[in-house]
PDB file of all heavy atoms in Angstrom:
ATOM      1  N   SER A   1      13.410  -5.891  -3.641  1.00  0.00           N
ATOM      2  CA  SER A   1      13.645  -6.941  -4.599  1.00  0.00           C
ATOM      3  C   SER A   1      12.834  -8.241  -4.258  1.00  0.00           C
ATOM      4  O   SER A   1      12.662  -8.419  -3.149  1.00  0.00           O
ATOM      5  CB  SER A   1      15.180  -7.387  -4.709  1.00  0.00           C
ATOM      6  OG  SER A   1      15.932  -6.248  -5.200  1.00  0.00           O
ATOM      7  N   PHE A   2      12.306  -8.870  -5.277  1.00  0.00           N
ATOM      8  CA  PHE A   2      11.513 -10.094  -5.170  1.00  0.00           C
ATOM      9  C   PHE A   2      11.922 -11.165  -6.159  1.00  0.00           C
ATOM     10  O   PHE A   2      12.599 -10.941  -7.040  1.00  0.00           O
ATOM     11  CB  PHE A   2      10.043  -9.639  -5.472  1.00  0.00           C
ATOM     12  CG  PHE A   2       9.404  -8.521  -4.892  1.00  0.00           C
ATOM     13  CD1 PHE A   2       9.438  -7.289  -5.218  1.00  0.00           C
ATOM     14  CD2 PHE A   2       8.820  -8.764  -3.591  1.00  0.00           C
ATOM     15  CE1 PHE A   2       8.859  -6.249  -4.501  1.00  0.00           C
ATOM     16  CE2 PHE A   2       8.125  -7.823  -2.927  1.00  0.00           C
ATOM     17  CZ  PHE A   2       8.232  -6.577  -3.375  1.00  0.00           C
ATOM     18  N   VAL A   3      11.389 -12.230  -5.805  1.00  0.00           N
ATOM     19  CA  VAL A   3      11.413 -13.279  -6.879  1.00  0.00           C
ATOM     20  C   VAL A   3       9.958 -13.699  -6.941  1.00  0.00           C
ATOM     21  O   VAL A   3       9.085 -13.822  -5.968  1.00  0.00           O
ATOM     22  CB  VAL A   3      12.145 -14.588  -6.570  1.00  0.00           C
ATOM     23  CG1 VAL A   3      13.588 -14.236  -6.735  1.00  0.00           C
ATOM     24  CG2 VAL A   3      11.870 -15.145  -5.016  1.00  0.00           C
ATOM     25  N   LEU A   4       9.366 -13.782  -8.174  1.00  0.00           N
ATOM     26  CA  LEU A   4       8.030 -14.086  -8.535  1.00  0.00           C
ATOM     27  C   LEU A   4       7.848 -15.419  -9.228  1.00  0.00           C
ATOM     28  O   LEU A   4       8.678 -15.714 -10.089  1.00  0.00           O
ATOM     29  CB  LEU A   4       7.481 -12.984  -9.508  1.00  0.00           C
ATOM     30  CG  LEU A   4       7.713 -11.473  -9.072  1.00  0.00           C
ATOM     31  CD1 LEU A   4       7.356 -10.647 -10.148  1.00  0.00           C
ATOM     32  CD2 LEU A   4       6.972 -11.173  -7.804  1.00  0.00           C
ATOM     33  N   SER A   5       6.775 -16.130  -8.953  1.00  0.00           N
ATOM     34  CA  SER A   5       6.469 -17.284  -9.700  1.00  0.00           C
ATOM     35  C   SER A   5       5.018 -17.165  -9.977  1.00  0.00           C
ATOM     36  O   SER A   5       4.115 -16.853  -9.250  1.00  0.00           O
ATOM     37  CB  SER A   5       6.633 -18.535  -8.746  1.00  0.00           C
ATOM     38  OG  SER A   5       8.059 -18.690  -8.443  1.00  0.00           O
ATOM     39  N   PHE A   6       4.643 -17.526 -11.296  1.00  0.00           N
ATOM     40  CA  PHE A   6       3.270 -17.411 -11.832  1.00  0.00           C
ATOM     41  C   PHE A   6       3.072 -18.212 -13.039  1.00  0.00           C
ATOM     42  O   PHE A   6       4.178 -18.595 -13.844  1.00  0.00           O
ATOM     43  CB  PHE A   6       2.935 -15.975 -12.058  1.00  0.00           C
ATOM     44  CG  PHE A   6       3.722 -15.183 -12.924  1.00  0.00           C
ATOM     45  CD1 PHE A   6       3.519 -15.115 -14.269  1.00  0.00           C
ATOM     46  CD2 PHE A   6       4.954 -14.595 -12.348  1.00  0.00           C
ATOM     47  CE1 PHE A   6       4.282 -14.317 -15.030  1.00  0.00           C
ATOM     48  CE2 PHE A   6       5.738 -13.749 -13.225  1.00  0.00           C
ATOM     49  CZ  PHE A   6       5.384 -13.696 -14.531  1.00  0.00           C
ATOM     50  N   SER A   7       1.832 -18.584 -13.375  1.00  0.00           N
ATOM     51  CA  SER A   7       1.521 -19.365 -14.564  1.00  0.00           C
ATOM     52  C   SER A   7       0.520 -18.509 -15.342  1.00  0.00           C
ATOM     53  O   SER A   7      -0.647 -18.248 -14.866  1.00  0.00           O
ATOM     54  CB  SER A   7       0.958 -20.819 -14.259  1.00  0.00           C
ATOM     55  OG  SER A   7       0.718 -21.386 -15.388  1.00  0.00           O
ATOM     56  N   LEU A   8       0.799 -18.182 -16.588  1.00  0.00           N
ATOM     57  CA  LEU A   8      -0.056 -17.474 -17.439  1.00  0.00           C
ATOM     58  C   LEU A   8      -1.181 -18.242 -18.154  1.00  0.00           C
ATOM     59  O   LEU A   8      -2.215 -17.954 -18.389  1.00  0.00           O
ATOM     60  CB  LEU A   8       0.602 -16.534 -18.490  1.00  0.00           C
ATOM     61  CG  LEU A   8       1.591 -15.590 -17.889  1.00  0.00           C
ATOM     62  CD1 LEU A   8       2.456 -14.911 -18.937  1.00  0.00           C
ATOM     63  CD2 LEU A   8       0.796 -14.490 -17.076  1.00  0.00           C
ATOM     64  N   ASP A   9      -0.727 -19.477 -18.555  1.00  0.00           N
ATOM     65  CA  ASP A   9      -1.650 -20.568 -19.006  1.00  0.00           C
ATOM     66  C   ASP A   9      -0.890 -21.847 -18.884  1.00  0.00           C
ATOM     67  O   ASP A   9       0.152 -21.936 -18.368  1.00  0.00           O
ATOM     68  CB  ASP A   9      -2.102 -20.187 -20.518  1.00  0.00           C
ATOM     69  CG  ASP A   9      -0.823 -20.188 -21.492  1.00  0.00           C
ATOM     70  OD1 ASP A   9       0.202 -20.776 -21.231  1.00  0.00           O
ATOM     71  OD2 ASP A   9      -1.045 -19.542 -22.593  1.00  0.00           O
ATOM     72  N   GLU A  10      -1.536 -22.898 -19.565  1.00  0.00           N
ATOM     73  CA  GLU A  10      -0.911 -24.308 -19.341  1.00  0.00           C
ATOM     74  C   GLU A  10       0.514 -24.372 -19.840  1.00  0.00           C
ATOM     75  O   GLU A  10       1.265 -25.241 -19.381  1.00  0.00           O
ATOM     76  CB  GLU A  10      -1.794 -25.253 -19.940  1.00  0.00           C
ATOM     77  CG  GLU A  10      -3.287 -25.364 -19.444  1.00  0.00           C
ATOM     78  CD  GLU A  10      -4.082 -24.323 -20.176  1.00  0.00           C
ATOM     79  OE1 GLU A  10      -3.923 -23.778 -21.301  1.00  0.00           O
ATOM     80  OE2 GLU A  10      -5.076 -23.809 -19.438  1.00  0.00           O
ATOM     81  N   SER A  11       0.865 -23.621 -20.843  1.00  0.00           N
ATOM     82  CA  SER A  11       2.134 -23.737 -21.421  1.00  0.00           C
ATOM     83  C   SER A  11       3.154 -22.597 -21.129  1.00  0.00           C
ATOM     84  O   SER A  11       4.304 -22.608 -21.703  1.00  0.00           O
ATOM     85  CB  SER A  11       1.992 -23.879 -22.915  1.00  0.00           C
ATOM     86  OG  SER A  11       1.388 -22.736 -23.510  1.00  0.00           O
ATOM     87  N   CYS A  12       2.735 -21.739 -20.254  1.00  0.00           N
ATOM     88  CA  CYS A  12       3.546 -20.470 -19.988  1.00  0.00           C
ATOM     89  C   CYS A  12       3.658 -20.294 -18.489  1.00  0.00           C
ATOM     90  O   CYS A  12       2.822 -19.527 -17.976  1.00  0.00           O
ATOM     91  CB  CYS A  12       3.032 -19.324 -20.752  1.00  0.00           C
ATOM     92  SG  CYS A  12       4.124 -17.880 -20.844  1.00  0.00           S
ATOM     93  N   SER A  13       4.611 -20.804 -17.811  1.00  0.00           N
ATOM     94  CA  SER A  13       4.841 -20.633 -16.455  1.00  0.00           C
ATOM     95  C   SER A  13       6.210 -20.160 -16.155  1.00  0.00           C
ATOM     96  O   SER A  13       7.112 -20.401 -16.817  1.00  0.00           O
ATOM     97  CB  SER A  13       4.676 -22.001 -15.736  1.00  0.00           C
ATOM     98  OG  SER A  13       3.372 -22.487 -15.814  1.00  0.00           O
ATOM     99  N   PHE A  14       6.278 -19.338 -15.133  1.00  0.00           N
ATOM    100  CA  PHE A  14       7.586 -18.794 -14.682  1.00  0.00           C
ATOM    101  C   PHE A  14       7.715 -19.011 -13.247  1.00  0.00           C
ATOM    102  O   PHE A  14       6.889 -18.883 -12.414  1.00  0.00           O
ATOM    103  CB  PHE A  14       7.653 -17.257 -14.981  1.00  0.00           C
ATOM    104  CG  PHE A  14       7.299 -17.014 -16.432  1.00  0.00           C
ATOM    105  CD1 PHE A  14       5.984 -16.636 -16.866  1.00  0.00           C
ATOM    106  CD2 PHE A  14       8.389 -17.133 -17.318  1.00  0.00           C
ATOM    107  CE1 PHE A  14       5.829 -16.404 -18.158  1.00  0.00           C
ATOM    108  CE2 PHE A  14       8.212 -16.889 -18.736  1.00  0.00           C
ATOM    109  CZ  PHE A  14       6.780 -16.509 -19.088  1.00  0.00           C
ATOM    110  N   HIS A  15       9.084 -19.416 -12.906  1.00  0.00           N
ATOM    111  CA  HIS A  15       9.398 -19.753 -11.580  1.00  0.00           C
ATOM    112  C   HIS A  15      10.645 -18.896 -11.081  1.00  0.00           C
ATOM    113  O   HIS A  15      11.691 -18.985 -11.714  1.00  0.00           O
ATOM    114  CB  HIS A  15       9.645 -21.203 -11.337  1.00  0.00           C
ATOM    115  CG  HIS A  15       8.540 -22.014 -11.793  1.00  0.00           C
ATOM    116  ND1 HIS A  15       7.411 -22.193 -10.931  1.00  0.00           N
ATOM    117  CD2 HIS A  15       8.233 -22.748 -12.842  1.00  0.00           C
ATOM    118  CE1 HIS A  15       6.441 -22.845 -11.644  1.00  0.00           C
ATOM    119  NE2 HIS A  15       6.925 -23.231 -12.779  1.00  0.00           N
ATOM    120  N   ARG A  16      10.469 -18.177 -10.111  1.00  0.00           N
ATOM    121  CA  ARG A  16      11.604 -17.430  -9.453  1.00  0.00           C
ATOM    122  C   ARG A  16      12.234 -16.403 -10.371  1.00  0.00           C
ATOM    123  O   ARG A  16      13.387 -16.264 -10.531  1.00  0.00           O
ATOM    124  CB  ARG A  16      12.599 -18.333  -8.779  1.00  0.00           C
ATOM    125  CG  ARG A  16      12.011 -19.173  -7.833  1.00  0.00           C
ATOM    126  CD  ARG A  16      13.094 -19.952  -6.844  1.00  0.00           C
ATOM    127  NE  ARG A  16      13.937 -19.106  -6.211  1.00  0.00           N
ATOM    128  CZ  ARG A  16      13.677 -18.452  -5.084  1.00  0.00           C
ATOM    129  NH1 ARG A  16      12.451 -18.458  -4.589  1.00  0.00           N
ATOM    130  NH2 ARG A  16      14.562 -17.574  -4.398  1.00  0.00           N
ATOM    131  N   VAL A  17      11.272 -15.581 -11.027  1.00  0.00           N
ATOM    132  CA  VAL A  17      11.805 -14.475 -11.796  1.00  0.00           C
ATOM    133  C   VAL A  17      12.154 -13.291 -10.938  1.00  0.00           C
ATOM    134  O   VAL A  17      11.230 -12.908 -10.096  1.00  0.00           O
ATOM    135  CB  VAL A  17      10.619 -14.124 -12.856  1.00  0.00           C
ATOM    136  CG1 VAL A  17      10.932 -12.825 -13.615  1.00  0.00           C
ATOM    137  CG2 VAL A  17      10.254 -15.277 -13.790  1.00  0.00           C
ATOM    138  N   SER A  18      13.151 -12.603 -11.024  1.00  0.00           N
ATOM    139  CA  SER A  18      13.512 -11.470 -10.170  1.00  0.00           C
ATOM    140  C   SER A  18      12.812 -10.348 -10.702  1.00  0.00           C
ATOM    141  O   SER A  18      12.437 -10.084 -11.862  1.00  0.00           O
ATOM    142  CB  SER A  18      15.017 -11.293 -10.250  1.00  0.00           C
ATOM    143  OG  SER A  18      15.503 -10.879 -11.586  1.00  0.00           O
ATOM    144  N   GLY A  19      12.544  -9.361  -9.753  1.00  0.00           N
ATOM    145  CA  GLY A  19      11.797  -8.159  -9.928  1.00  0.00           C
ATOM    146  C   GLY A  19      12.170  -7.151  -8.801  1.00  0.00           C
ATOM    147  O   GLY A  19      12.511  -7.500  -7.734  1.00  0.00           O
ATOM    148  N   THR A  20      11.818  -5.859  -9.179  1.00  0.00           N
ATOM    149  CA  THR A  20      12.092  -4.717  -8.276  1.00  0.00           C
ATOM    150  C   THR A  20      10.767  -3.919  -8.226  1.00  0.00           C
ATOM    151  O   THR A  20      10.276  -3.543  -9.320  1.00  0.00           O
ATOM    152  CB  THR A  20      13.186  -3.909  -8.747  1.00  0.00           C
ATOM    153  OG1 THR A  20      14.358  -4.735  -8.748  1.00  0.00           O
ATOM    154  CG2 THR A  20      13.468  -2.708  -7.776  1.00  0.00           C
ATOM    155  N   LEU A  21      10.348  -3.471  -7.032  1.00  0.00           N
ATOM    156  CA  LEU A  21       9.215  -2.623  -6.825  1.00  0.00           C
ATOM    157  C   LEU A  21       9.431  -1.303  -7.337  1.00  0.00           C
ATOM    158  O   LEU A  21      10.445  -0.660  -6.803  1.00  0.00           O
ATOM    159  CB  LEU A  21       8.769  -2.742  -5.408  1.00  0.00           C
ATOM    160  CG  LEU A  21       7.531  -1.858  -5.057  1.00  0.00           C
ATOM    161  CD1 LEU A  21       6.298  -2.155  -5.869  1.00  0.00           C
ATOM    162  CD2 LEU A  21       7.284  -1.951  -3.541  1.00  0.00           C
ATOM    163  N   LEU A  22       8.775  -0.778  -8.366  1.00  0.00           N
ATOM    164  CA  LEU A  22       9.055   0.537  -8.877  1.00  0.00           C
ATOM    165  C   LEU A  22       8.058   1.532  -8.269  1.00  0.00           C
ATOM    166  O   LEU A  22       8.672   2.692  -7.803  1.00  0.00           O
ATOM    167  CB  LEU A  22       8.696   0.598 -10.363  1.00  0.00           C
ATOM    168  CG  LEU A  22       9.694  -0.092 -11.250  1.00  0.00           C
ATOM    169  CD1 LEU A  22       9.298   0.020 -12.746  1.00  0.00           C
ATOM    170  CD2 LEU A  22      11.052   0.357 -11.058  1.00  0.00           C
ATOM    171  N   ARG A  23       6.890   1.285  -8.069  1.00  0.00           N
ATOM    172  CA  ARG A  23       5.994   2.293  -7.511  1.00  0.00           C
ATOM    173  C   ARG A  23       4.637   1.695  -7.145  1.00  0.00           C
ATOM    174  O   ARG A  23       4.360   0.645  -7.561  1.00  0.00           O
ATOM    175  CB  ARG A  23       5.743   3.356  -8.516  1.00  0.00           C
ATOM    176  CG  ARG A  23       4.937   2.979  -9.789  1.00  0.00           C
ATOM    177  CD  ARG A  23       4.793   3.968 -10.778  1.00  0.00           C
ATOM    178  NE  ARG A  23       4.482   3.462 -12.103  1.00  0.00           N
ATOM    179  CZ  ARG A  23       5.371   2.931 -12.964  1.00  0.00           C
ATOM    180  NH1 ARG A  23       6.668   2.991 -12.754  1.00  0.00           N
ATOM    181  NH2 ARG A  23       4.972   2.489 -14.244  1.00  0.00           N
ATOM    182  N   TYR A  24       4.015   2.442  -6.344  1.00  0.00           N
ATOM    183  CA  TYR A  24       2.524   2.070  -6.069  1.00  0.00           C
ATOM    184  C   TYR A  24       1.631   3.032  -6.740  1.00  0.00           C
ATOM    185  O   TYR A  24       1.940   4.267  -6.901  1.00  0.00           O
ATOM    186  CB  TYR A  24       2.258   2.250  -4.492  1.00  0.00           C
ATOM    187  CG  TYR A  24       2.784   1.158  -3.668  1.00  0.00           C
ATOM    188  CD1 TYR A  24       3.992   1.440  -2.901  1.00  0.00           C
ATOM    189  CD2 TYR A  24       2.251  -0.093  -3.655  1.00  0.00           C
ATOM    190  CE1 TYR A  24       4.432   0.401  -2.151  1.00  0.00           C
ATOM    191  CE2 TYR A  24       2.747  -1.098  -2.732  1.00  0.00           C
ATOM    192  CZ  TYR A  24       3.880  -0.777  -2.050  1.00  0.00           C
ATOM    193  OH  TYR A  24       4.459  -1.803  -1.303  1.00  0.00           O
ATOM    194  N   ASP A  25       0.496   2.556  -7.321  1.00  0.00           N
ATOM    195  CA  ASP A  25      -0.481   3.349  -7.889  1.00  0.00           C
ATOM    196  C   ASP A  25      -1.690   3.399  -6.848  1.00  0.00           C
ATOM    197  O   ASP A  25      -2.377   2.579  -6.568  1.00  0.00           O
ATOM    198  CB  ASP A  25      -1.064   2.622  -9.210  1.00  0.00           C
ATOM    199  CG  ASP A  25      -2.110   3.502  -9.930  1.00  0.00           C
ATOM    200  OD1 ASP A  25      -2.710   4.336  -9.259  1.00  0.00           O
ATOM    201  OD2 ASP A  25      -2.311   3.225 -11.125  1.00  0.00           O
TER     202      ASP A  25
END
């Protein structure tokens, strides 16, 4: 399990979104 933070553009940012590693390609 993770928490992710990222910004897609100036008006679309996310902080501490939870996520789970499903697989490796």
